[in-house]
Amino acid sequence: MHSFAGLERLRGPLGAAALLAMGFVAARMTTPAPPLDPVTHTVRSIQPDGSGRVQISLDETQRRVVTGRLDDQNIQQLLVAAANGDNPSARLESVGVLKDHAESSPVRDALLNAVAHDPNAGVRLAALEGLKRLAGEPDIRKALAQVLLTDEDPAVRIQVVDLLVAHRDDALTGVLQNRVEKDNNNYVRLKSEQALKAINASIGTF
């Protein structure tokens, strides 16, 4: 009864404010705190002290989510960084997004780098898809010709042949002849031979 009597005395403007404050405190005490963002830990050193305790030195990276439009420069920078990163899944996802924006110079460079150097064939194929619209440009064709000569995956080499023959270029005759003679995949050799015939070039070197 004393508690309710005390509340009776809080009626009026001051009493309303006090009740509101009490309600806020009660809510803070009963509402669970929101979960923290996931944190990535990298352990640098571990030092036991002999008493059952241990000192662990670590670096922490707290994860956060960034959302934005694909034409936003900051978003593009993050995607390009992911395309050049160590995580193969993130590289594939990033290139899969960037391939539709190859008109941007940094994106174009990232796709060329992926085609030439990414160890994952799936990433290289996705990058080739992004370069398809630029396959008529001399610097792109030069890079693709090198990929045709050096890439270990026949699926990548086949895709490169298709991109190169979409734009006639007699300067690529030697590269295609090389593939007809030396490629270890029958279908790559066949595609290269067909490409040479399409530009009325000799199949072999003399």
N, C-alpha and C. Protein backbone atom coordinates (compact mmCIF):
# COMPACT_ATOMS: atom_id res chain seq x y z
N MET A 1 0.83 -1.20 0.00
CA MET A 1 0.00 0.00 0.00
C MET A 1 0.85 1.24 0.00
N HIS A 2 2.00 1.21 0.70
CA HIS A 2 2.86 2.39 0.75
C HIS A 2 3.39 2.72 -0.64
N SER A 3 3.71 1.69 -1.44
CA SER A 3 4.24 1.93 -2.78
C SER A 3 3.23 2.65 -3.64
N PHE A 4 1.97 2.19 -3.61
CA PHE A 4 0.95 2.83 -4.43
C PHE A 4 0.64 4.22 -3.92
N ALA A 5 0.73 4.41 -2.61
CA ALA A 5 0.51 5.75 -2.06
C ALA A 5 1.58 6.70 -2.58
N GLY A 6 2.81 6.18 -2.69
CA GLY A 6 3.88 7.01 -3.22
C GLY A 6 3.62 7.41 -4.65
N LEU A 7 3.07 6.50 -5.44
CA LEU A 7 2.77 6.79 -6.82
C LEU A 7 1.68 7.83 -6.95
N GLU A 8 0.73 7.82 -5.97
CA GLU A 8 -0.34 8.82 -6.00
C GLU A 8 0.24 10.22 -5.90
N ARG A 9 1.33 10.38 -5.11
CA ARG A 9 1.91 11.70 -4.94
C ARG A 9 2.63 12.18 -6.20
N LEU A 10 2.90 11.28 -7.18
CA LEU A 10 3.60 11.65 -8.38
C LEU A 10 2.68 12.14 -9.49
N ARG A 11 1.37 12.25 -9.17
CA ARG A 11 0.44 12.74 -10.19
C ARG A 11 0.76 14.20 -10.51
N GLY A 12 0.39 14.61 -11.75
CA GLY A 12 0.68 15.96 -12.20
C GLY A 12 1.83 15.92 -13.18
N PRO A 13 2.29 17.06 -13.74
CA PRO A 13 3.36 17.10 -14.75
C PRO A 13 4.64 16.44 -14.27
N LEU A 14 5.06 16.77 -13.05
CA LEU A 14 6.29 16.18 -12.54
C LEU A 14 6.13 14.69 -12.33
N GLY A 15 4.96 14.30 -11.86
CA GLY A 15 4.71 12.88 -11.65
C GLY A 15 4.72 12.12 -12.95
N ALA A 16 4.17 12.70 -14.02
CA ALA A 16 4.16 12.03 -15.33
C ALA A 16 5.58 11.82 -15.83
N ALA A 17 6.42 12.83 -15.66
CA ALA A 17 7.81 12.70 -16.11
C ALA A 17 8.52 11.62 -15.34
N ALA A 18 8.26 11.56 -14.04
CA ALA A 18 8.91 10.54 -13.23
C ALA A 18 8.46 9.15 -13.64
N LEU A 19 7.18 8.99 -13.89
CA LEU A 19 6.68 7.68 -14.33
C LEU A 19 7.29 7.28 -15.67
N LEU A 20 7.44 8.27 -16.57
CA LEU A 20 8.04 7.97 -17.87
C LEU A 20 9.48 7.50 -17.70
N ALA A 21 10.21 8.18 -16.81
CA ALA A 21 11.59 7.79 -16.56
C ALA A 21 11.66 6.39 -15.98
N MET A 22 10.76 6.08 -15.07
CA MET A 22 10.73 4.75 -14.47
C MET A 22 10.43 3.69 -15.52
N GLY A 23 9.50 4.03 -16.42
CA GLY A 23 9.18 3.07 -17.48
C GLY A 23 10.36 2.83 -18.40
N PHE A 24 11.14 3.91 -18.69
CA PHE A 24 12.31 3.77 -19.56
C PHE A 24 13.36 2.89 -18.93
N VAL A 25 13.59 3.10 -17.61
CA VAL A 25 14.57 2.28 -16.90
C VAL A 25 14.14 0.82 -16.89
N ALA A 26 12.84 0.61 -16.66
CA ALA A 26 12.33 -0.77 -16.63
C ALA A 26 12.51 -1.43 -17.98
N ALA A 27 12.25 -0.66 -19.03
CA ALA A 27 12.41 -1.23 -20.39
C ALA A 27 13.86 -1.59 -20.65
N ARG A 28 14.80 -0.71 -20.23
CA ARG A 28 16.23 -1.00 -20.44
C ARG A 28 16.65 -2.24 -19.68
N MET A 29 16.00 -2.47 -18.52
CA MET A 29 16.38 -3.61 -17.70
C MET A 29 15.80 -4.91 -18.23
N THR A 30 14.68 -4.83 -18.95
CA THR A 30 14.00 -6.05 -19.40
C THR A 30 14.23 -6.36 -20.87
N THR A 31 14.66 -5.35 -21.70
CA THR A 31 14.86 -5.58 -23.13
C THR A 31 16.28 -6.05 -23.37
N PRO A 32 16.48 -7.21 -24.01
CA PRO A 32 17.84 -7.70 -24.24
C PRO A 32 18.60 -6.79 -25.20
N ALA A 33 19.89 -6.64 -25.00
CA ALA A 33 20.72 -5.82 -25.88
C ALA A 33 20.81 -6.47 -27.25
N PRO A 34 20.87 -5.65 -28.32
CA PRO A 34 21.00 -6.23 -29.66
C PRO A 34 22.33 -6.95 -29.80
N PRO A 35 22.38 -8.01 -30.59
CA PRO A 35 23.64 -8.75 -30.74
C PRO A 35 24.69 -7.90 -31.43
N LEU A 36 25.93 -8.10 -31.03
CA LEU A 36 27.03 -7.39 -31.66
C LEU A 36 27.31 -7.97 -33.04
N ASP A 37 27.91 -7.14 -33.92
CA ASP A 37 28.31 -7.63 -35.22
C ASP A 37 29.36 -8.72 -35.05
N PRO A 38 29.38 -9.71 -35.96
CA PRO A 38 30.39 -10.75 -35.86
C PRO A 38 31.79 -10.15 -35.92
N VAL A 39 32.70 -10.69 -35.12
CA VAL A 39 34.07 -10.19 -35.08
C VAL A 39 35.00 -11.31 -35.48
N THR A 40 35.94 -11.03 -36.38
CA THR A 40 36.93 -12.00 -36.80
C THR A 40 38.18 -11.82 -35.95
N HIS A 41 38.67 -12.94 -35.40
CA HIS A 41 39.84 -12.90 -34.53
C HIS A 41 41.02 -13.57 -35.23
N THR A 42 42.17 -12.94 -35.15
CA THR A 42 43.41 -13.54 -35.61
C THR A 42 44.37 -13.60 -34.42
N VAL A 43 44.67 -14.79 -33.95
CA VAL A 43 45.55 -14.96 -32.79
C VAL A 43 47.00 -14.75 -33.21
N ARG A 44 47.70 -13.85 -32.50
CA ARG A 44 49.09 -13.54 -32.81
C ARG A 44 50.08 -14.25 -31.89
N SER A 45 49.73 -14.38 -30.60
CA SER A 45 50.63 -15.07 -29.68
C SER A 45 49.85 -15.58 -28.47
N ILE A 46 50.38 -16.64 -27.85
CA ILE A 46 49.76 -17.25 -26.67
C ILE A 46 50.85 -17.44 -25.62
N GLN A 47 50.61 -16.92 -24.39
CA GLN A 47 51.61 -16.98 -23.34
C GLN A 47 51.00 -17.48 -22.03
N PRO A 48 51.15 -18.78 -21.71
CA PRO A 48 50.68 -19.27 -20.41
C PRO A 48 51.62 -18.76 -19.31
N ASP A 49 51.04 -18.51 -18.11
CA ASP A 49 51.86 -17.96 -17.03
C ASP A 49 52.18 -18.99 -15.94
N GLY A 50 51.79 -20.25 -16.13
CA GLY A 50 52.12 -21.29 -15.18
C GLY A 50 51.14 -21.44 -14.03
N SER A 51 50.17 -20.53 -13.92
CA SER A 51 49.20 -20.60 -12.82
C SER A 51 47.82 -21.01 -13.32
N GLY A 52 47.75 -21.52 -14.52
CA GLY A 52 46.45 -21.90 -15.08
C GLY A 52 45.82 -20.81 -15.92
N ARG A 53 46.47 -19.66 -15.97
CA ARG A 53 45.97 -18.56 -16.80
C ARG A 53 46.80 -18.48 -18.08
N VAL A 54 46.22 -17.85 -19.08
CA VAL A 54 46.93 -17.71 -20.35
C VAL A 54 46.61 -16.33 -20.93
N GLN A 55 47.63 -15.73 -21.52
CA GLN A 55 47.46 -14.43 -22.18
C GLN A 55 47.49 -14.64 -23.69
N ILE A 56 46.43 -14.25 -24.36
CA ILE A 56 46.31 -14.41 -25.81
C ILE A 56 46.29 -13.04 -26.46
N SER A 57 47.23 -12.81 -27.35
CA SER A 57 47.28 -11.56 -28.10
C SER A 57 46.62 -11.79 -29.47
N LEU A 58 45.62 -10.97 -29.77
CA LEU A 58 44.92 -11.18 -31.04
C LEU A 58 44.52 -9.86 -31.68
N ASP A 59 44.34 -9.94 -32.99
CA ASP A 59 43.80 -8.83 -33.76
C ASP A 59 42.32 -9.10 -34.02
N GLU A 60 41.51 -8.06 -33.93
CA GLU A 60 40.08 -8.22 -34.16
C GLU A 60 39.64 -7.35 -35.33
N THR A 61 38.83 -7.94 -36.18
CA THR A 61 38.23 -7.20 -37.29
C THR A 61 36.72 -7.37 -37.18
N GLN A 62 36.02 -6.29 -36.93
CA GLN A 62 34.57 -6.37 -36.78
C GLN A 62 33.89 -6.25 -38.13
N ARG A 63 33.02 -7.18 -38.42
CA ARG A 63 32.33 -7.20 -39.71
C ARG A 63 31.24 -6.13 -39.74
N ARG A 64 31.09 -5.47 -40.89
CA ARG A 64 29.98 -4.56 -41.09
C ARG A 64 29.45 -4.72 -42.50
N VAL A 65 28.26 -4.29 -42.71
CA VAL A 65 27.59 -4.44 -44.01
C VAL A 65 27.52 -3.08 -44.68
N VAL A 66 27.93 -3.03 -45.95
CA VAL A 66 27.88 -1.80 -46.73
C VAL A 66 26.93 -2.03 -47.90
N THR A 67 26.01 -1.12 -48.10
CA THR A 67 25.05 -1.23 -49.18
C THR A 67 25.12 0.02 -50.05
N GLY A 68 25.07 -0.16 -51.36
CA GLY A 68 25.11 1.00 -52.25
C GLY A 68 24.87 0.60 -53.68
N ARG A 69 24.77 1.57 -54.54
CA ARG A 69 24.55 1.33 -55.95
C ARG A 69 25.86 0.92 -56.63
N LEU A 70 25.74 0.17 -57.71
CA LEU A 70 26.91 -0.33 -58.41
C LEU A 70 27.70 0.78 -59.09
N ASP A 71 27.04 1.93 -59.35
CA ASP A 71 27.76 3.04 -59.95
C ASP A 71 28.41 3.94 -58.91
N ASP A 72 28.29 3.57 -57.64
CA ASP A 72 28.94 4.30 -56.56
C ASP A 72 30.43 3.94 -56.54
N GLN A 73 31.29 4.94 -56.56
CA GLN A 73 32.73 4.70 -56.64
C GLN A 73 33.24 3.88 -55.46
N ASN A 74 32.73 4.15 -54.27
CA ASN A 74 33.17 3.39 -53.09
C ASN A 74 32.78 1.92 -53.18
N ILE A 75 31.57 1.66 -53.69
CA ILE A 75 31.12 0.28 -53.86
C ILE A 75 32.00 -0.42 -54.89
N GLN A 76 32.29 0.26 -55.99
CA GLN A 76 33.15 -0.33 -57.02
C GLN A 76 34.53 -0.64 -56.47
N GLN A 77 35.07 0.24 -55.64
CA GLN A 77 36.39 0.00 -55.06
C GLN A 77 36.40 -1.25 -54.18
N LEU A 78 35.33 -1.44 -53.41
CA LEU A 78 35.23 -2.63 -52.58
C LEU A 78 35.13 -3.89 -53.43
N LEU A 79 34.35 -3.81 -54.52
CA LEU A 79 34.21 -4.97 -55.41
C LEU A 79 35.52 -5.30 -56.10
N VAL A 80 36.23 -4.27 -56.55
CA VAL A 80 37.53 -4.50 -57.19
C VAL A 80 38.52 -5.11 -56.21
N ALA A 81 38.49 -4.62 -54.96
CA ALA A 81 39.37 -5.19 -53.93
C ALA A 81 39.04 -6.66 -53.69
N ALA A 82 37.73 -6.98 -53.67
CA ALA A 82 37.32 -8.37 -53.48
C ALA A 82 37.76 -9.23 -54.66
N ALA A 83 37.71 -8.67 -55.87
CA ALA A 83 38.12 -9.42 -57.07
C ALA A 83 39.59 -9.76 -57.05
N ASN A 84 40.37 -8.99 -56.30
CA ASN A 84 41.81 -9.23 -56.19
C ASN A 84 42.21 -9.85 -54.85
N GLY A 85 41.22 -10.27 -54.07
CA GLY A 85 41.50 -10.77 -52.73
C GLY A 85 41.84 -12.24 -52.68
N ASP A 86 41.94 -12.77 -51.45
CA ASP A 86 42.35 -14.16 -51.24
C ASP A 86 41.18 -15.14 -51.20
N ASN A 87 39.97 -14.63 -51.06
CA ASN A 87 38.80 -15.51 -50.92
C ASN A 87 38.24 -15.85 -52.30
N PRO A 88 38.37 -17.12 -52.76
CA PRO A 88 37.90 -17.46 -54.11
C PRO A 88 36.41 -17.27 -54.30
N SER A 89 35.63 -17.53 -53.26
CA SER A 89 34.18 -17.34 -53.37
C SER A 89 33.85 -15.87 -53.56
N ALA A 90 34.51 -15.00 -52.79
CA ALA A 90 34.27 -13.56 -52.91
C ALA A 90 34.76 -13.05 -54.27
N ARG A 91 35.86 -13.61 -54.77
CA ARG A 91 36.35 -13.19 -56.09
C ARG A 91 35.33 -13.53 -57.17
N LEU A 92 34.77 -14.74 -57.09
CA LEU A 92 33.78 -15.15 -58.09
C LEU A 92 32.54 -14.28 -58.01
N GLU A 93 32.06 -14.02 -56.80
CA GLU A 93 30.87 -13.18 -56.63
C GLU A 93 31.12 -11.76 -57.11
N SER A 94 32.30 -11.24 -56.80
CA SER A 94 32.63 -9.88 -57.19
C SER A 94 32.73 -9.74 -58.71
N VAL A 95 33.45 -10.65 -59.34
CA VAL A 95 33.58 -10.60 -60.80
C VAL A 95 32.22 -10.80 -61.46
N GLY A 96 31.38 -11.63 -60.86
CA GLY A 96 30.04 -11.83 -61.39
C GLY A 96 29.22 -10.55 -61.40
N VAL A 97 29.48 -9.67 -60.45
CA VAL A 97 28.80 -8.36 -60.42
C VAL A 97 29.50 -7.37 -61.35
N LEU A 98 30.83 -7.35 -61.31
CA LEU A 98 31.59 -6.37 -62.09
C LEU A 98 31.49 -6.59 -63.59
N LYS A 99 31.23 -7.81 -64.02
CA LYS A 99 31.26 -8.10 -65.46
C LYS A 99 30.27 -7.29 -66.27
N ASP A 100 29.26 -6.75 -65.63
CA ASP A 100 28.28 -5.93 -66.34
C ASP A 100 28.62 -4.44 -66.32
N HIS A 101 29.82 -4.12 -65.80
CA HIS A 101 30.22 -2.72 -65.67
C HIS A 101 31.65 -2.51 -66.17
N ALA A 102 32.00 -3.22 -67.23
CA ALA A 102 33.37 -3.18 -67.74
C ALA A 102 33.73 -1.85 -68.40
N GLU A 103 32.73 -0.96 -68.59
CA GLU A 103 33.05 0.34 -69.18
C GLU A 103 33.84 1.22 -68.21
N SER A 104 33.82 0.88 -66.93
CA SER A 104 34.62 1.60 -65.95
C SER A 104 36.07 1.11 -66.02
N SER A 105 37.00 2.04 -66.07
CA SER A 105 38.40 1.67 -66.23
C SER A 105 38.92 0.76 -65.11
N PRO A 106 38.66 1.06 -63.82
CA PRO A 106 39.12 0.16 -62.76
C PRO A 106 38.50 -1.23 -62.86
N VAL A 107 37.24 -1.30 -63.26
CA VAL A 107 36.57 -2.59 -63.42
C VAL A 107 37.19 -3.36 -64.57
N ARG A 108 37.41 -2.69 -65.66
CA ARG A 108 38.05 -3.32 -66.82
C ARG A 108 39.41 -3.89 -66.45
N ASP A 109 40.20 -3.12 -65.71
CA ASP A 109 41.52 -3.61 -65.29
C ASP A 109 41.39 -4.82 -64.37
N ALA A 110 40.39 -4.80 -63.49
CA ALA A 110 40.18 -5.92 -62.58
C ALA A 110 39.80 -7.18 -63.35
N LEU A 111 38.97 -7.02 -64.38
CA LEU A 111 38.57 -8.18 -65.19
C LEU A 111 39.75 -8.74 -65.98
N LEU A 112 40.57 -7.85 -66.53
CA LEU A 112 41.75 -8.30 -67.26
C LEU A 112 42.72 -9.03 -66.33
N ASN A 113 42.88 -8.51 -65.14
CA ASN A 113 43.76 -9.15 -64.16
C ASN A 113 43.22 -10.53 -63.78
N ALA A 114 41.90 -10.63 -63.62
CA ALA A 114 41.29 -11.92 -63.26
C ALA A 114 41.47 -12.93 -64.38
N VAL A 115 41.27 -12.50 -65.62
CA VAL A 115 41.43 -13.41 -66.76
C VAL A 115 42.85 -13.93 -66.84
N ALA A 116 43.80 -13.07 -66.59
CA ALA A 116 45.20 -13.44 -66.77
C ALA A 116 45.80 -14.19 -65.59
N HIS A 117 45.31 -13.91 -64.38
CA HIS A 117 46.04 -14.40 -63.21
C HIS A 117 45.22 -15.17 -62.17
N ASP A 118 43.90 -15.10 -62.21
CA ASP A 118 43.15 -15.77 -61.15
C ASP A 118 43.33 -17.28 -61.24
N PRO A 119 43.64 -17.96 -60.13
CA PRO A 119 43.85 -19.41 -60.17
C PRO A 119 42.56 -20.21 -60.34
N ASN A 120 41.41 -19.57 -60.18
CA ASN A 120 40.13 -20.27 -60.28
C ASN A 120 39.57 -20.10 -61.69
N ALA A 121 39.36 -21.21 -62.40
CA ALA A 121 38.87 -21.14 -63.78
C ALA A 121 37.48 -20.52 -63.86
N GLY A 122 36.65 -20.75 -62.83
CA GLY A 122 35.32 -20.15 -62.82
C GLY A 122 35.38 -18.63 -62.79
N VAL A 123 36.33 -18.09 -62.04
CA VAL A 123 36.51 -16.64 -61.99
C VAL A 123 36.98 -16.13 -63.34
N ARG A 124 37.90 -16.84 -63.96
CA ARG A 124 38.42 -16.41 -65.27
C ARG A 124 37.31 -16.43 -66.32
N LEU A 125 36.46 -17.42 -66.29
CA LEU A 125 35.35 -17.49 -67.25
C LEU A 125 34.37 -16.34 -67.02
N ALA A 126 34.10 -16.02 -65.77
CA ALA A 126 33.20 -14.90 -65.47
C ALA A 126 33.80 -13.59 -65.96
N ALA A 127 35.11 -13.43 -65.80
CA ALA A 127 35.77 -12.22 -66.27
C ALA A 127 35.73 -12.12 -67.79
N LEU A 128 35.88 -13.25 -68.46
CA LEU A 128 35.78 -13.26 -69.93
C LEU A 128 34.40 -12.81 -70.39
N GLU A 129 33.38 -13.20 -69.67
CA GLU A 129 32.02 -12.78 -69.99
C GLU A 129 31.92 -11.26 -69.92
N GLY A 130 32.59 -10.67 -68.94
CA GLY A 130 32.55 -9.23 -68.81
C GLY A 130 33.31 -8.50 -69.90
N LEU A 131 34.33 -9.15 -70.45
CA LEU A 131 35.14 -8.53 -71.49
C LEU A 131 34.58 -8.74 -72.90
N LYS A 132 33.51 -9.48 -73.01
CA LYS A 132 32.96 -9.83 -74.32
C LYS A 132 32.68 -8.59 -75.16
N ARG A 133 32.07 -7.57 -74.54
CA ARG A 133 31.71 -6.37 -75.30
C ARG A 133 32.92 -5.53 -75.70
N LEU A 134 34.06 -5.80 -75.08
CA LEU A 134 35.27 -5.03 -75.37
C LEU A 134 36.26 -5.82 -76.21
N ALA A 135 35.85 -6.96 -76.71
CA ALA A 135 36.78 -7.87 -77.39
C ALA A 135 37.31 -7.31 -78.70
N GLY A 136 36.74 -6.22 -79.20
CA GLY A 136 37.25 -5.62 -80.44
C GLY A 136 38.37 -4.63 -80.20
N GLU A 137 38.65 -4.29 -78.95
CA GLU A 137 39.69 -3.31 -78.65
C GLU A 137 41.07 -3.96 -78.65
N PRO A 138 42.07 -3.30 -79.26
CA PRO A 138 43.40 -3.91 -79.44
C PRO A 138 44.04 -4.41 -78.16
N ASP A 139 43.97 -3.63 -77.08
CA ASP A 139 44.65 -4.06 -75.85
C ASP A 139 43.96 -5.26 -75.23
N ILE A 140 42.64 -5.32 -75.38
CA ILE A 140 41.89 -6.47 -74.88
C ILE A 140 42.25 -7.71 -75.70
N ARG A 141 42.33 -7.57 -77.00
CA ARG A 141 42.65 -8.71 -77.87
C ARG A 141 44.07 -9.21 -77.61
N LYS A 142 44.97 -8.29 -77.35
CA LYS A 142 46.34 -8.71 -77.04
C LYS A 142 46.38 -9.54 -75.76
N ALA A 143 45.63 -9.09 -74.75
CA ALA A 143 45.58 -9.84 -73.49
C ALA A 143 44.93 -11.20 -73.69
N LEU A 144 43.86 -11.24 -74.47
CA LEU A 144 43.16 -12.50 -74.71
C LEU A 144 44.03 -13.49 -75.49
N ALA A 145 44.81 -12.97 -76.44
CA ALA A 145 45.71 -13.84 -77.20
C ALA A 145 46.73 -14.50 -76.28
N GLN A 146 47.22 -13.76 -75.30
CA GLN A 146 48.16 -14.33 -74.34
C GLN A 146 47.49 -15.40 -73.48
N VAL A 147 46.25 -15.14 -73.09
CA VAL A 147 45.49 -16.13 -72.33
C VAL A 147 45.31 -17.40 -73.13
N LEU A 148 45.02 -17.26 -74.42
CA LEU A 148 44.84 -18.43 -75.28
C LEU A 148 46.10 -19.29 -75.33
N LEU A 149 47.25 -18.65 -75.26
CA LEU A 149 48.51 -19.38 -75.34
C LEU A 149 48.91 -20.02 -74.01
N THR A 150 48.43 -19.48 -72.90
CA THR A 150 48.98 -19.90 -71.61
C THR A 150 47.98 -20.52 -70.64
N ASP A 151 46.68 -20.28 -70.82
CA ASP A 151 45.73 -20.78 -69.83
C ASP A 151 45.66 -22.30 -69.85
N GLU A 152 45.60 -22.90 -68.68
CA GLU A 152 45.61 -24.36 -68.56
C GLU A 152 44.24 -24.99 -68.75
N ASP A 153 43.18 -24.21 -68.65
CA ASP A 153 41.83 -24.78 -68.72
C ASP A 153 41.28 -24.68 -70.15
N PRO A 154 40.94 -25.81 -70.77
CA PRO A 154 40.44 -25.77 -72.15
C PRO A 154 39.14 -24.98 -72.30
N ALA A 155 38.30 -24.98 -71.27
CA ALA A 155 37.05 -24.21 -71.36
C ALA A 155 37.34 -22.72 -71.50
N VAL A 156 38.36 -22.26 -70.80
CA VAL A 156 38.77 -20.85 -70.92
C VAL A 156 39.31 -20.58 -72.31
N ARG A 157 40.16 -21.46 -72.81
CA ARG A 157 40.76 -21.26 -74.13
C ARG A 157 39.69 -21.25 -75.22
N ILE A 158 38.71 -22.14 -75.11
CA ILE A 158 37.62 -22.19 -76.09
C ILE A 158 36.85 -20.87 -76.09
N GLN A 159 36.56 -20.35 -74.89
CA GLN A 159 35.84 -19.09 -74.78
C GLN A 159 36.66 -17.95 -75.39
N VAL A 160 37.96 -17.98 -75.19
CA VAL A 160 38.82 -16.94 -75.74
C VAL A 160 38.79 -16.98 -77.27
N VAL A 161 38.87 -18.17 -77.85
CA VAL A 161 38.79 -18.29 -79.31
C VAL A 161 37.50 -17.68 -79.82
N ASP A 162 36.39 -17.97 -79.18
CA ASP A 162 35.09 -17.43 -79.60
C ASP A 162 35.09 -15.90 -79.55
N LEU A 163 35.70 -15.34 -78.52
CA LEU A 163 35.74 -13.88 -78.42
C LEU A 163 36.64 -13.27 -79.50
N LEU A 164 37.75 -13.93 -79.79
CA LEU A 164 38.68 -13.39 -80.76
C LEU A 164 38.12 -13.44 -82.18
N VAL A 165 37.46 -14.51 -82.53
CA VAL A 165 36.97 -14.66 -83.91
C VAL A 165 35.73 -13.81 -84.16
N ALA A 166 35.14 -13.27 -83.11
CA ALA A 166 33.98 -12.39 -83.31
C ALA A 166 34.39 -11.09 -84.02
N HIS A 167 35.70 -10.79 -83.99
CA HIS A 167 36.22 -9.60 -84.66
C HIS A 167 37.44 -10.03 -85.48
N ARG A 168 37.32 -9.94 -86.77
CA ARG A 168 38.42 -10.40 -87.63
C ARG A 168 39.69 -9.62 -87.34
N ASP A 169 40.79 -10.35 -87.19
CA ASP A 169 42.07 -9.73 -86.89
C ASP A 169 43.16 -10.65 -87.43
N ASP A 170 43.74 -10.27 -88.57
CA ASP A 170 44.77 -11.09 -89.20
C ASP A 170 46.03 -11.21 -88.34
N ALA A 171 46.20 -10.26 -87.40
CA ALA A 171 47.38 -10.30 -86.53
C ALA A 171 47.36 -11.50 -85.60
N LEU A 172 46.20 -12.11 -85.44
CA LEU A 172 46.08 -13.26 -84.54
C LEU A 172 46.31 -14.60 -85.25
N THR A 173 46.65 -14.53 -86.53
CA THR A 173 46.83 -15.76 -87.31
C THR A 173 47.87 -16.68 -86.65
N GLY A 174 48.99 -16.11 -86.25
CA GLY A 174 50.06 -16.92 -85.66
C GLY A 174 49.63 -17.59 -84.36
N VAL A 175 48.86 -16.88 -83.57
CA VAL A 175 48.38 -17.45 -82.30
C VAL A 175 47.45 -18.62 -82.56
N LEU A 176 46.55 -18.46 -83.51
CA LEU A 176 45.61 -19.53 -83.83
C LEU A 176 46.33 -20.73 -84.45
N GLN A 177 47.31 -20.47 -85.29
CA GLN A 177 48.10 -21.56 -85.88
C GLN A 177 48.85 -22.32 -84.78
N ASN A 178 49.35 -21.60 -83.82
CA ASN A 178 50.03 -22.24 -82.69
C ASN A 178 49.11 -23.20 -81.96
N ARG A 179 47.84 -22.79 -81.76
CA ARG A 179 46.89 -23.64 -81.06
C ARG A 179 46.51 -24.86 -81.89
N VAL A 180 46.40 -24.68 -83.20
CA VAL A 180 46.10 -25.83 -84.07
C VAL A 180 47.20 -26.88 -83.97
N GLU A 181 48.43 -26.43 -83.89
CA GLU A 181 49.56 -27.35 -83.89
C GLU A 181 49.90 -27.90 -82.50
N LYS A 182 49.69 -27.10 -81.45
CA LYS A 182 50.25 -27.47 -80.16
C LYS A 182 49.25 -27.68 -79.03
N ASP A 183 48.01 -27.23 -79.21
CA ASP A 183 47.08 -27.36 -78.10
C ASP A 183 46.79 -28.83 -77.80
N ASN A 184 46.70 -29.18 -76.53
CA ASN A 184 46.47 -30.58 -76.15
C ASN A 184 44.99 -30.95 -76.07
N ASN A 185 44.11 -30.01 -76.45
CA ASN A 185 42.68 -30.28 -76.44
C ASN A 185 42.14 -30.29 -77.87
N ASN A 186 41.48 -31.38 -78.24
CA ASN A 186 41.00 -31.52 -79.61
C ASN A 186 40.03 -30.41 -80.01
N TYR A 187 39.16 -30.04 -79.08
CA TYR A 187 38.14 -29.05 -79.43
C TYR A 187 38.76 -27.66 -79.59
N VAL A 188 39.77 -27.35 -78.78
CA VAL A 188 40.46 -26.07 -78.95
C VAL A 188 41.15 -26.03 -80.31
N ARG A 189 41.77 -27.13 -80.70
CA ARG A 189 42.42 -27.18 -82.01
C ARG A 189 41.39 -27.00 -83.12
N LEU A 190 40.23 -27.67 -82.99
CA LEU A 190 39.19 -27.56 -84.00
C LEU A 190 38.66 -26.13 -84.08
N LYS A 191 38.40 -25.51 -82.95
CA LYS A 191 37.90 -24.14 -82.95
C LYS A 191 38.91 -23.18 -83.57
N SER A 192 40.18 -23.39 -83.28
CA SER A 192 41.22 -22.53 -83.84
C SER A 192 41.32 -22.73 -85.35
N GLU A 193 41.20 -23.97 -85.79
CA GLU A 193 41.23 -24.25 -87.23
C GLU A 193 40.05 -23.58 -87.93
N GLN A 194 38.88 -23.66 -87.35
CA GLN A 194 37.71 -23.01 -87.93
C GLN A 194 37.89 -21.50 -87.99
N ALA A 195 38.51 -20.95 -86.97
CA ALA A 195 38.75 -19.50 -86.95
C ALA A 195 39.71 -19.09 -88.06
N LEU A 196 40.74 -19.90 -88.31
CA LEU A 196 41.68 -19.61 -89.39
C LEU A 196 41.00 -19.67 -90.75
N LYS A 197 40.14 -20.65 -90.94
CA LYS A 197 39.42 -20.76 -92.20
C LYS A 197 38.49 -19.56 -92.41
N ALA A 198 37.93 -19.07 -91.32
CA ALA A 198 37.00 -17.94 -91.42
C ALA A 198 37.70 -16.68 -91.90
N ILE A 199 38.99 -16.56 -91.63
CA ILE A 199 39.73 -15.38 -92.09
C ILE A 199 40.63 -15.72 -93.29
N ASN A 200 40.37 -16.88 -93.91
CA ASN A 200 41.10 -17.32 -95.10
C ASN A 200 42.60 -17.39 -94.86
N ALA A 201 42.97 -17.89 -93.69
CA ALA A 201 44.39 -18.02 -93.35
C ALA A 201 44.79 -19.48 -93.41
N SER A 202 46.08 -19.69 -93.59
CA SER A 202 46.62 -21.05 -93.65
C SER A 202 46.46 -21.73 -92.30
N ILE A 203 46.17 -23.01 -92.30
CA ILE A 203 46.00 -23.75 -91.06
C ILE A 203 47.32 -23.95 -90.33
N GLY A 204 48.37 -24.21 -91.08
CA GLY A 204 49.66 -24.47 -90.46
C GLY A 204 50.65 -23.37 -90.77
N THR A 205 51.80 -23.43 -90.07
CA THR A 205 52.89 -22.50 -90.32
C THR A 205 53.89 -23.12 -91.28
N PHE A 206 54.53 -22.29 -92.04
CA PHE A 206 55.49 -22.80 -93.05
C PHE A 206 56.82 -22.10 -92.89
